[in-house]
Amino acid sequence: MLDRFKRRINYLRISVTDRCNLRCRYCMPENDPCLLRHEDILTFEEIQQVVAVSVSLGINKVRLTGGEPLVRRDIVDLVAMIAAVPGINDLAMTTNATLLSRFAGPLKHAGLQRINISLDTLDPEKFRHITRGGEIQKVHDGIAAAKAAGLHPIKVNCVVKKGAEKKDADQVAGYCRANGLEVRFIQEMDLEKGDFGIVEGGTGGDCRSCNRLRLTSDGKVKPCLFSDLGYDIREMGIQQALEKAVGNKPEKGSVNQQNLFHNIGG
């Protein structure tokens, strides 16, 4: 698929849930967020159908996100269902890794190829503060399990405020070098203000070469993270929603005042 600006769209990011077992300060509201009803969340069968139609239109790369995808019940089954769709040659997941020690092996067996792990600091107390209660040892355990399972590459997403020169980012970079991991530095974003930047060590944030669509957990196809546009697969049908999203994909991101990171996926 080509959009109006001749960008080839071949990447679909799927938010499988708006729920998470952490409450990161830049992602989740401090108080209980307004979560979707169970019946509004896409079923596994609906997600697989979206993937199948997407492949027929040119998508060959899929990433599962959340919220936290590993809190979605039977997530391994969904991975297997997506992996079974002919034409998907890159199947990945972004996770906070606190549950990964349990799931890494089954995910690899089901067809997951690689994984991105969120880690903003190596300081246990600072990690607990950022995540509002998370235990960093669980992330280390998850990384070890992912390596043992053969998920490769393992990329670490490190959110920074003012670039990769910060002390925490330097320590995370050193940890990644010592453990055979790839590190990516992501500027802390603000959806409502339209604040974002190009990912250091990755391709995100560069609107000129953006190749992605997003599917929210309640079935909206969004052409851009920093846009309020969204097309409902249940109301419009899958193919029409996808084609509308591609046809109306903006040249560059602006603002998003209808979503938070936990319900759209970063």
C-alpha atoms as a PDB file:
ATOM      1  CA  MET A   1       0.000   0.000   0.000  1.00  0.00           C
ATOM      2  CA  LEU A   2       1.180   3.492  -0.834  1.00  0.00           C
ATOM      3  CA  ASP A   3      -0.206   6.544   0.903  1.00  0.00           C
ATOM      4  CA  ARG A   4      -0.658   9.999  -0.652  1.00  0.00           C
ATOM      5  CA  PHE A   5       2.979  10.798   0.021  1.00  0.00           C
ATOM      6  CA  LYS A   6       4.338   7.661  -1.682  1.00  0.00           C
ATOM      7  CA  ARG A   7       5.282   5.991   1.608  1.00  0.00           C
ATOM      8  CA  ARG A   8       4.965   2.212   1.493  1.00  0.00           C
ATOM      9  CA  ILE A   9       2.766   1.036   4.365  1.00  0.00           C
ATOM     10  CA  ASN A  10       3.733  -2.488   5.420  1.00  0.00           C
ATOM     11  CA  TYR A  11       3.706  -2.389   9.240  1.00  0.00           C
ATOM     12  CA  LEU A  12       0.730  -2.926  11.566  1.00  0.00           C
ATOM     13  CA  ARG A  13       0.976  -2.340  15.317  1.00  0.00           C
ATOM     14  CA  ILE A  14      -1.822  -4.065  17.221  1.00  0.00           C
ATOM     15  CA  SER A  15      -2.842  -3.040  20.736  1.00  0.00           C
ATOM     16  CA  VAL A  16      -4.323  -6.227  22.187  1.00  0.00           C
ATOM     17  CA  THR A  17      -5.435  -4.671  25.500  1.00  0.00           C
ATOM     18  CA  ASP A  18      -5.617  -1.301  27.239  1.00  0.00           C
ATOM     19  CA  ARG A  19      -4.726  -2.933  30.563  1.00  0.00           C
ATOM     20  CA  CYS A  20      -1.304  -3.092  32.189  1.00  0.00           C
ATOM     21  CA  ASN A  21       0.216  -4.484  35.384  1.00  0.00           C
ATOM     22  CA  LEU A  22       2.346  -1.330  35.806  1.00  0.00           C
ATOM     23  CA  ARG A  23       1.386   2.339  36.005  1.00  0.00           C
ATOM     24  CA  CYS A  24       4.268   4.143  34.286  1.00  0.00           C
ATOM     25  CA  ARG A  25       4.023   7.869  34.850  1.00  0.00           C
ATOM     26  CA  TYR A  26       4.344   8.867  31.192  1.00  0.00           C
ATOM     27  CA  CYS A  27       1.853   6.254  30.021  1.00  0.00           C
ATOM     28  CA  MET A  28      -0.930   5.649  32.545  1.00  0.00           C
ATOM     29  CA  PRO A  29      -2.998   8.153  34.550  1.00  0.00           C
ATOM     30  CA  GLU A  30      -2.202   8.257  38.262  1.00  0.00           C
ATOM     31  CA  ASN A  31      -5.773   7.368  39.152  1.00  0.00           C
ATOM     32  CA  ASP A  32      -7.585   4.398  37.669  1.00  0.00           C
ATOM     33  CA  PRO A  33      -7.813   4.918  33.892  1.00  0.00           C
ATOM     34  CA  CYS A  34     -11.084   4.606  32.041  1.00  0.00           C
ATOM     35  CA  LEU A  35     -10.751   1.062  30.711  1.00  0.00           C
ATOM     36  CA  LEU A  36     -12.705  -0.551  27.917  1.00  0.00           C
ATOM     37  CA  ARG A  37     -15.476  -3.013  28.585  1.00  0.00           C
ATOM     38  CA  HIS A  38     -14.602  -6.637  27.901  1.00  0.00           C
ATOM     39  CA  GLU A  39     -17.151  -6.832  25.082  1.00  0.00           C
ATOM     40  CA  ASP A  40     -15.583  -3.854  23.314  1.00  0.00           C
ATOM     41  CA  ILE A  41     -12.179  -5.520  23.038  1.00  0.00           C
ATOM     42  CA  LEU A  42     -11.445  -7.267  19.744  1.00  0.00           C
ATOM     43  CA  THR A  43     -11.579 -11.054  19.860  1.00  0.00           C
ATOM     44  CA  PHE A  44      -8.625 -13.128  18.725  1.00  0.00           C
ATOM     45  CA  GLU A  45     -10.605 -14.138  15.653  1.00  0.00           C
ATOM     46  CA  GLU A  46     -11.231 -10.493  14.744  1.00  0.00           C
ATOM     47  CA  ILE A  47      -7.557  -9.647  15.173  1.00  0.00           C
ATOM     48  CA  GLN A  48      -6.522 -12.568  12.997  1.00  0.00           C
ATOM     49  CA  GLN A  49      -9.005 -11.455  10.331  1.00  0.00           C
ATOM     50  CA  VAL A  50      -7.557  -7.936  10.385  1.00  0.00           C
ATOM     51  CA  VAL A  51      -4.074  -9.376   9.955  1.00  0.00           C
ATOM     52  CA  ALA A  52      -5.184 -11.574   7.056  1.00  0.00           C
ATOM     53  CA  VAL A  53      -6.841  -8.683   5.222  1.00  0.00           C
ATOM     54  CA  SER A  54      -3.843  -6.448   5.980  1.00  0.00           C
ATOM     55  CA  VAL A  55      -1.495  -8.974   4.399  1.00  0.00           C
ATOM     56  CA  SER A  56      -3.615  -9.014   1.254  1.00  0.00           C
ATOM     57  CA  LEU A  57      -3.106  -5.231   1.067  1.00  0.00           C
ATOM     58  CA  GLY A  58       0.654  -5.306   1.620  1.00  0.00           C
ATOM     59  CA  ILE A  59       1.294  -5.616   5.354  1.00  0.00           C
ATOM     60  CA  ASN A  60       4.089  -8.075   6.204  1.00  0.00           C
ATOM     61  CA  LYS A  61       5.220  -6.817   9.606  1.00  0.00           C
ATOM     62  CA  VAL A  62       3.157  -7.025  12.817  1.00  0.00           C
ATOM     63  CA  ARG A  63       3.910  -5.911  16.366  1.00  0.00           C
ATOM     64  CA  LEU A  64       1.737  -6.658  19.393  1.00  0.00           C
ATOM     65  CA  THR A  65       1.487  -3.944  22.020  1.00  0.00           C
ATOM     66  CA  GLY A  66      -0.809  -2.870  24.834  1.00  0.00           C
ATOM     67  CA  GLY A  67      -1.185  -1.663  27.506  1.00  0.00           C
ATOM     68  CA  GLU A  68       0.852  -4.704  28.398  1.00  0.00           C
ATOM     69  CA  PRO A  69       0.178  -7.517  25.905  1.00  0.00           C
ATOM     70  CA  LEU A  70       1.169 -10.283  28.329  1.00  0.00           C
ATOM     71  CA  VAL A  71      -1.781  -9.504  30.607  1.00  0.00           C
ATOM     72  CA  ARG A  72      -4.183 -10.493  27.803  1.00  0.00           C
ATOM     73  CA  ARG A  73      -5.458 -13.962  28.620  1.00  0.00           C
ATOM     74  CA  ASP A  74      -4.207 -16.685  26.249  1.00  0.00           C
ATOM     75  CA  ILE A  75      -1.866 -14.268  24.469  1.00  0.00           C
ATOM     76  CA  VAL A  76       0.266 -17.199  23.297  1.00  0.00           C
ATOM     77  CA  ASP A  77      -2.728 -18.517  21.350  1.00  0.00           C
ATOM     78  CA  LEU A  78      -3.107 -15.161  19.601  1.00  0.00           C
ATOM     79  CA  VAL A  79       0.562 -15.169  18.625  1.00  0.00           C
ATOM     80  CA  ALA A  80       0.125 -18.615  17.106  1.00  0.00           C
ATOM     81  CA  MET A  81      -2.956 -17.477  15.193  1.00  0.00           C
ATOM     82  CA  ILE A  82      -1.142 -14.488  13.719  1.00  0.00           C
ATOM     83  CA  ALA A  83       1.992 -16.489  12.955  1.00  0.00           C
ATOM     84  CA  ALA A  84      -0.177 -18.891  10.965  1.00  0.00           C
ATOM     85  CA  VAL A  85      -1.263 -16.144   8.547  1.00  0.00           C
ATOM     86  CA  PRO A  86       0.748 -16.553   5.320  1.00  0.00           C
ATOM     87  CA  GLY A  87       2.725 -13.453   4.417  1.00  0.00           C
ATOM     88  CA  ILE A  88       3.768 -12.280   7.897  1.00  0.00           C
ATOM     89  CA  ASN A  89       7.560 -12.359   7.913  1.00  0.00           C
ATOM     90  CA  ASP A  90       8.175 -10.196  10.987  1.00  0.00           C
ATOM     91  CA  LEU A  91       6.183 -10.840  14.169  1.00  0.00           C
ATOM     92  CA  ALA A  92       7.269  -8.917  17.256  1.00  0.00           C
ATOM     93  CA  MET A  93       6.022  -7.705  20.624  1.00  0.00           C
ATOM     94  CA  THR A  94       6.668  -4.768  22.934  1.00  0.00           C
ATOM     95  CA  THR A  95       6.435  -5.606  26.646  1.00  0.00           C
ATOM     96  CA  ASN A  96       7.499  -4.335  30.049  1.00  0.00           C
ATOM     97  CA  ALA A  97       8.970  -7.852  30.547  1.00  0.00           C
ATOM     98  CA  THR A  98       7.765  -8.279  34.140  1.00  0.00           C
ATOM     99  CA  LEU A  99       5.792 -11.378  33.066  1.00  0.00           C
ATOM    100  CA  LEU A 100       8.188 -12.479  30.337  1.00  0.00           C
ATOM    101  CA  SER A 101      10.045 -15.123  32.349  1.00  0.00           C
ATOM    102  CA  ARG A 102       6.829 -17.139  32.237  1.00  0.00           C
ATOM    103  CA  PHE A 103       5.938 -16.480  28.605  1.00  0.00           C
ATOM    104  CA  ALA A 104       9.185 -16.208  26.624  1.00  0.00           C
ATOM    105  CA  GLY A 105       9.497 -19.887  25.729  1.00  0.00           C
ATOM    106  CA  PRO A 106       5.840 -20.428  24.787  1.00  0.00           C
ATOM    107  CA  LEU A 107       5.815 -17.198  22.753  1.00  0.00           C
ATOM    108  CA  LYS A 108       8.855 -18.293  20.766  1.00  0.00           C
ATOM    109  CA  HIS A 109       7.317 -21.721  20.169  1.00  0.00           C
ATOM    110  CA  ALA A 110       4.084 -20.073  18.988  1.00  0.00           C
ATOM    111  CA  GLY A 111       5.934 -18.046  16.365  1.00  0.00           C
ATOM    112  CA  LEU A 112       7.040 -14.786  17.971  1.00  0.00           C
ATOM    113  CA  GLN A 113      10.352 -13.795  16.429  1.00  0.00           C
ATOM    114  CA  ARG A 114      11.648 -10.832  18.405  1.00  0.00           C
ATOM    115  CA  ILE A 115      10.823  -8.584  21.296  1.00  0.00           C
ATOM    116  CA  ASN A 116      11.219  -5.010  22.538  1.00  0.00           C
ATOM    117  CA  ILE A 117      11.476  -4.417  26.274  1.00  0.00           C
ATOM    118  CA  SER A 118      10.786  -1.147  28.070  1.00  0.00           C
ATOM    119  CA  LEU A 119      13.543  -0.219  30.542  1.00  0.00           C
ATOM    120  CA  ASP A 120      14.232   3.396  31.502  1.00  0.00           C
ATOM    121  CA  THR A 121      16.648   2.943  34.415  1.00  0.00           C
ATOM    122  CA  LEU A 122      18.736   0.321  36.198  1.00  0.00           C
ATOM    123  CA  ASP A 123      18.088   1.850  39.608  1.00  0.00           C
ATOM    124  CA  PRO A 124      15.526  -0.336  41.447  1.00  0.00           C
ATOM    125  CA  GLU A 125      14.107   2.579  43.437  1.00  0.00           C
ATOM    126  CA  LYS A 126      13.835   4.855  40.432  1.00  0.00           C
ATOM    127  CA  PHE A 127      12.255   2.011  38.457  1.00  0.00           C
ATOM    128  CA  ARG A 128       9.723   1.553  41.247  1.00  0.00           C
ATOM    129  CA  HIS A 129       8.980   5.278  41.149  1.00  0.00           C
ATOM    130  CA  ILE A 130       8.605   5.475  37.348  1.00  0.00           C
ATOM    131  CA  THR A 131       6.353   2.419  37.205  1.00  0.00           C
ATOM    132  CA  ARG A 132       4.510   3.158  40.463  1.00  0.00           C
ATOM    133  CA  GLY A 133       5.525  -0.083  42.148  1.00  0.00           C
ATOM    134  CA  GLY A 134       7.295  -2.278  39.598  1.00  0.00           C
ATOM    135  CA  GLU A 135      10.138  -4.655  40.512  1.00  0.00           C
ATOM    136  CA  ILE A 136      13.129  -4.341  38.196  1.00  0.00           C
ATOM    137  CA  GLN A 137      14.382  -7.857  38.967  1.00  0.00           C
ATOM    138  CA  LYS A 138      11.378  -9.214  37.089  1.00  0.00           C
ATOM    139  CA  VAL A 139      12.562  -7.330  33.999  1.00  0.00           C
ATOM    140  CA  HIS A 140      16.050  -8.825  34.321  1.00  0.00           C
ATOM    141  CA  ASP A 141      14.477 -12.277  34.680  1.00  0.00           C
ATOM    142  CA  GLY A 142      12.348 -11.644  31.606  1.00  0.00           C
ATOM    143  CA  ILE A 143      15.351 -10.592  29.544  1.00  0.00           C
ATOM    144  CA  ALA A 144      17.234 -13.719  30.591  1.00  0.00           C
ATOM    145  CA  ALA A 145      14.250 -15.864  29.608  1.00  0.00           C
ATOM    146  CA  ALA A 146      13.944 -14.146  26.236  1.00  0.00           C
ATOM    147  CA  LYS A 147      17.622 -14.802  25.502  1.00  0.00           C
ATOM    148  CA  ALA A 148      17.276 -18.438  26.541  1.00  0.00           C
ATOM    149  CA  ALA A 149      14.194 -18.860  24.341  1.00  0.00           C
ATOM    150  CA  GLY A 150      16.020 -17.546  21.286  1.00  0.00           C
ATOM    151  CA  LEU A 151      13.978 -14.385  20.741  1.00  0.00           C
ATOM    152  CA  HIS A 152      16.284 -12.226  18.647  1.00  0.00           C
ATOM    153  CA  PRO A 153      17.043  -9.438  18.486  1.00  0.00           C
ATOM    154  CA  ILE A 154      16.055  -8.206  21.931  1.00  0.00           C
ATOM    155  CA  LYS A 155      15.722  -4.437  21.801  1.00  0.00           C
ATOM    156  CA  VAL A 156      15.480  -2.240  24.863  1.00  0.00           C
ATOM    157  CA  ASN A 157      13.313   0.886  24.656  1.00  0.00           C
ATOM    158  CA  CYS A 158      14.614   3.568  26.991  1.00  0.00           C
ATOM    159  CA  VAL A 159      12.477   6.701  27.384  1.00  0.00           C
ATOM    160  CA  VAL A 160      14.513   9.851  27.988  1.00  0.00           C
ATOM    161  CA  LYS A 161      13.605  13.472  28.510  1.00  0.00           C
ATOM    162  CA  LYS A 162      16.529  15.244  26.827  1.00  0.00           C
ATOM    163  CA  GLY A 163      18.504  12.716  24.839  1.00  0.00           C
ATOM    164  CA  ALA A 164      20.706   9.697  25.373  1.00  0.00           C
ATOM    165  CA  GLU A 165      23.373  11.552  27.351  1.00  0.00           C
ATOM    166  CA  LYS A 166      21.450  11.270  30.619  1.00  0.00           C
ATOM    167  CA  LYS A 167      22.960   9.159  33.404  1.00  0.00           C
ATOM    168  CA  ASP A 168      20.193   6.560  33.410  1.00  0.00           C
ATOM    169  CA  ALA A 169      20.337   6.219  29.642  1.00  0.00           C
ATOM    170  CA  ASP A 170      24.117   5.762  29.756  1.00  0.00           C
ATOM    171  CA  GLN A 171      23.742   2.998  32.337  1.00  0.00           C
ATOM    172  CA  VAL A 172      21.032   1.287  30.300  1.00  0.00           C
ATOM    173  CA  ALA A 173      23.254   1.500  27.205  1.00  0.00           C
ATOM    174  CA  GLY A 174      26.135  -0.105  29.114  1.00  0.00           C
ATOM    175  CA  TYR A 175      23.860  -2.852  30.379  1.00  0.00           C
ATOM    176  CA  CYS A 176      22.703  -3.559  26.828  1.00  0.00           C
ATOM    177  CA  ARG A 177      26.258  -3.737  25.474  1.00  0.00           C
ATOM    178  CA  ALA A 178      27.244  -6.140  28.248  1.00  0.00           C
ATOM    179  CA  ASN A 179      24.267  -8.407  27.618  1.00  0.00           C
ATOM    180  CA  GLY A 180      24.070  -8.486  23.830  1.00  0.00           C
ATOM    181  CA  LEU A 181      20.962  -6.293  23.618  1.00  0.00           C
ATOM    182  CA  GLU A 182      20.153  -3.434  21.255  1.00  0.00           C
ATOM    183  CA  VAL A 183      19.175  -0.121  22.814  1.00  0.00           C
ATOM    184  CA  ARG A 184      16.830   2.545  21.452  1.00  0.00           C
ATOM    185  CA  PHE A 185      16.349   5.952  23.065  1.00  0.00           C
ATOM    186  CA  ILE A 186      12.869   7.400  22.771  1.00  0.00           C
ATOM    187  CA  GLN A 187      12.135  11.016  23.611  1.00  0.00           C
ATOM    188  CA  GLU A 188       9.331  11.273  26.162  1.00  0.00           C
ATOM    189  CA  MET A 189       6.237  12.129  24.133  1.00  0.00           C
ATOM    190  CA  ASP A 190       3.114  14.166  24.795  1.00  0.00           C
ATOM    191  CA  LEU A 191       0.143  13.222  22.642  1.00  0.00           C
ATOM    192  CA  GLU A 192      -1.907  16.319  23.437  1.00  0.00           C
ATOM    193  CA  LYS A 193       0.953  18.747  22.789  1.00  0.00           C
ATOM    194  CA  GLY A 194       2.334  16.887  19.785  1.00  0.00           C
ATOM    195  CA  ASP A 195       5.778  16.472  21.326  1.00  0.00           C
ATOM    196  CA  PHE A 196       7.809  13.656  19.748  1.00  0.00           C
ATOM    197  CA  GLY A 197      11.188  13.074  18.174  1.00  0.00           C
ATOM    198  CA  ILE A 198      13.117  10.596  16.063  1.00  0.00           C
ATOM    199  CA  VAL A 199      14.084   7.450  17.951  1.00  0.00           C
ATOM    200  CA  GLU A 200      17.834   7.100  18.487  1.00  0.00           C
ATOM    201  CA  GLY A 201      18.800   3.631  17.314  1.00  0.00           C
ATOM    202  CA  GLY A 202      15.475   3.041  15.573  1.00  0.00           C
ATOM    203  CA  THR A 203      13.177   4.339  12.844  1.00  0.00           C
ATOM    204  CA  GLY A 204      10.225   5.647  14.859  1.00  0.00           C
ATOM    205  CA  GLY A 205       9.340   9.312  14.895  1.00  0.00           C
ATOM    206  CA  ASP A 206      10.559  10.065  11.366  1.00  0.00           C
ATOM    207  CA  CYS A 207       7.360  11.041   9.584  1.00  0.00           C
ATOM    208  CA  ARG A 208       9.065  11.149   6.182  1.00  0.00           C
ATOM    209  CA  SER A 209       9.570   7.382   6.192  1.00  0.00           C
ATOM    210  CA  CYS A 210       6.648   6.235   8.374  1.00  0.00           C
ATOM    211  CA  ASN A 211       5.391   2.849   7.205  1.00  0.00           C
ATOM    212  CA  ARG A 212       2.887   1.978   9.921  1.00  0.00           C
ATOM    213  CA  LEU A 213      -0.750   1.782  10.871  1.00  0.00           C
ATOM    214  CA  ARG A 214      -2.141   1.112  14.336  1.00  0.00           C
ATOM    215  CA  LEU A 215      -5.069  -1.021  15.432  1.00  0.00           C
ATOM    216  CA  THR A 216      -6.506  -0.175  18.846  1.00  0.00           C
ATOM    217  CA  SER A 217      -7.827  -2.900  21.106  1.00  0.00           C
ATOM    218  CA  ASP A 218     -11.416  -1.835  20.376  1.00  0.00           C
ATOM    219  CA  GLY A 219     -10.990  -1.985  16.614  1.00  0.00           C
ATOM    220  CA  LYS A 220     -10.016   1.487  15.390  1.00  0.00           C
ATOM    221  CA  VAL A 221      -7.428   1.645  12.620  1.00  0.00           C
ATOM    222  CA  LYS A 222      -5.320   4.738  13.205  1.00  0.00           C
ATOM    223  CA  PRO A 223      -3.019   6.108  10.505  1.00  0.00           C
ATOM    224  CA  CYS A 224      -0.812   8.041  12.927  1.00  0.00           C
ATOM    225  CA  LEU A 225      -0.005   8.006  16.641  1.00  0.00           C
ATOM    226  CA  PHE A 226      -0.232  11.805  16.723  1.00  0.00           C
ATOM    227  CA  SER A 227      -3.653  12.132  15.113  1.00  0.00           C
ATOM    228  CA  ASP A 228      -7.270  11.797  16.212  1.00  0.00           C
ATOM    229  CA  LEU A 229      -8.178   9.970  13.007  1.00  0.00           C
ATOM    230  CA  GLY A 230      -9.460   6.419  13.446  1.00  0.00           C
ATOM    231  CA  TYR A 231     -11.603   4.053  11.379  1.00  0.00           C
ATOM    232  CA  ASP A 232     -13.725   1.382  13.034  1.00  0.00           C
ATOM    233  CA  ILE A 233     -13.370  -2.088  11.508  1.00  0.00           C
ATOM    234  CA  ARG A 234     -16.686  -3.210  13.014  1.00  0.00           C
ATOM    235  CA  GLU A 235     -18.631  -0.307  11.518  1.00  0.00           C
ATOM    236  CA  MET A 236     -16.852   0.032   8.181  1.00  0.00           C
ATOM    237  CA  GLY A 237     -15.488  -3.431   7.544  1.00  0.00           C
ATOM    238  CA  ILE A 238     -11.816  -4.343   7.775  1.00  0.00           C
ATOM    239  CA  GLN A 239     -10.652  -3.559   4.249  1.00  0.00           C
ATOM    240  CA  GLN A 240     -12.434  -0.216   4.017  1.00  0.00           C
ATOM    241  CA  ALA A 241     -11.105   0.867   7.425  1.00  0.00           C
ATOM    242  CA  LEU A 242      -7.556  -0.030   6.409  1.00  0.00           C
ATOM    243  CA  GLU A 243      -7.841   1.704   3.051  1.00  0.00           C
ATOM    244  CA  LYS A 244      -9.327   4.839   4.638  1.00  0.00           C
ATOM    245  CA  ALA A 245      -6.495   4.951   7.151  1.00  0.00           C
ATOM    246  CA  VAL A 246      -3.879   4.679   4.422  1.00  0.00           C
ATOM    247  CA  GLY A 247      -5.661   7.182   2.175  1.00  0.00           C
ATOM    248  CA  ASN A 248      -5.930   9.753   4.957  1.00  0.00           C
ATOM    249  CA  LYS A 249      -2.576   9.180   6.610  1.00  0.00           C
ATOM    250  CA  PRO A 250      -1.202  12.655   7.409  1.00  0.00           C
ATOM    251  CA  GLU A 251       2.147  13.826   6.090  1.00  0.00           C
ATOM    252  CA  LYS A 252       3.334  14.327   9.652  1.00  0.00           C
ATOM    253  CA  GLY A 253       2.047  13.927  13.186  1.00  0.00           C
ATOM    254  CA  SER A 254       0.248  16.753  14.954  1.00  0.00           C
ATOM    255  CA  VAL A 255      -1.726  16.062  18.150  1.00  0.00           C
ATOM    256  CA  ASN A 256      -3.842  13.265  19.594  1.00  0.00           C
ATOM    257  CA  GLN A 257      -6.478  14.376  22.095  1.00  0.00           C
ATOM    258  CA  GLN A 258      -8.572  11.215  22.106  1.00  0.00           C
ATOM    259  CA  ASN A 259      -6.099   8.573  23.286  1.00  0.00           C
ATOM    260  CA  LEU A 260      -3.515   7.781  25.938  1.00  0.00           C
ATOM    261  CA  PHE A 261      -0.502   5.534  25.409  1.00  0.00           C
ATOM    262  CA  HIS A 262      -2.051   2.663  27.358  1.00  0.00           C
ATOM    263  CA  ASN A 263      -5.002   2.421  24.952  1.00  0.00           C
ATOM    264  CA  ILE A 264      -3.294   3.080  21.627  1.00  0.00           C
ATOM    265  CA  GLY A 265       0.130   1.508  22.029  1.00  0.00           C
ATOM    266  CA  GLY A 266       3.344   3.526  21.805  1.00  0.00           C
END
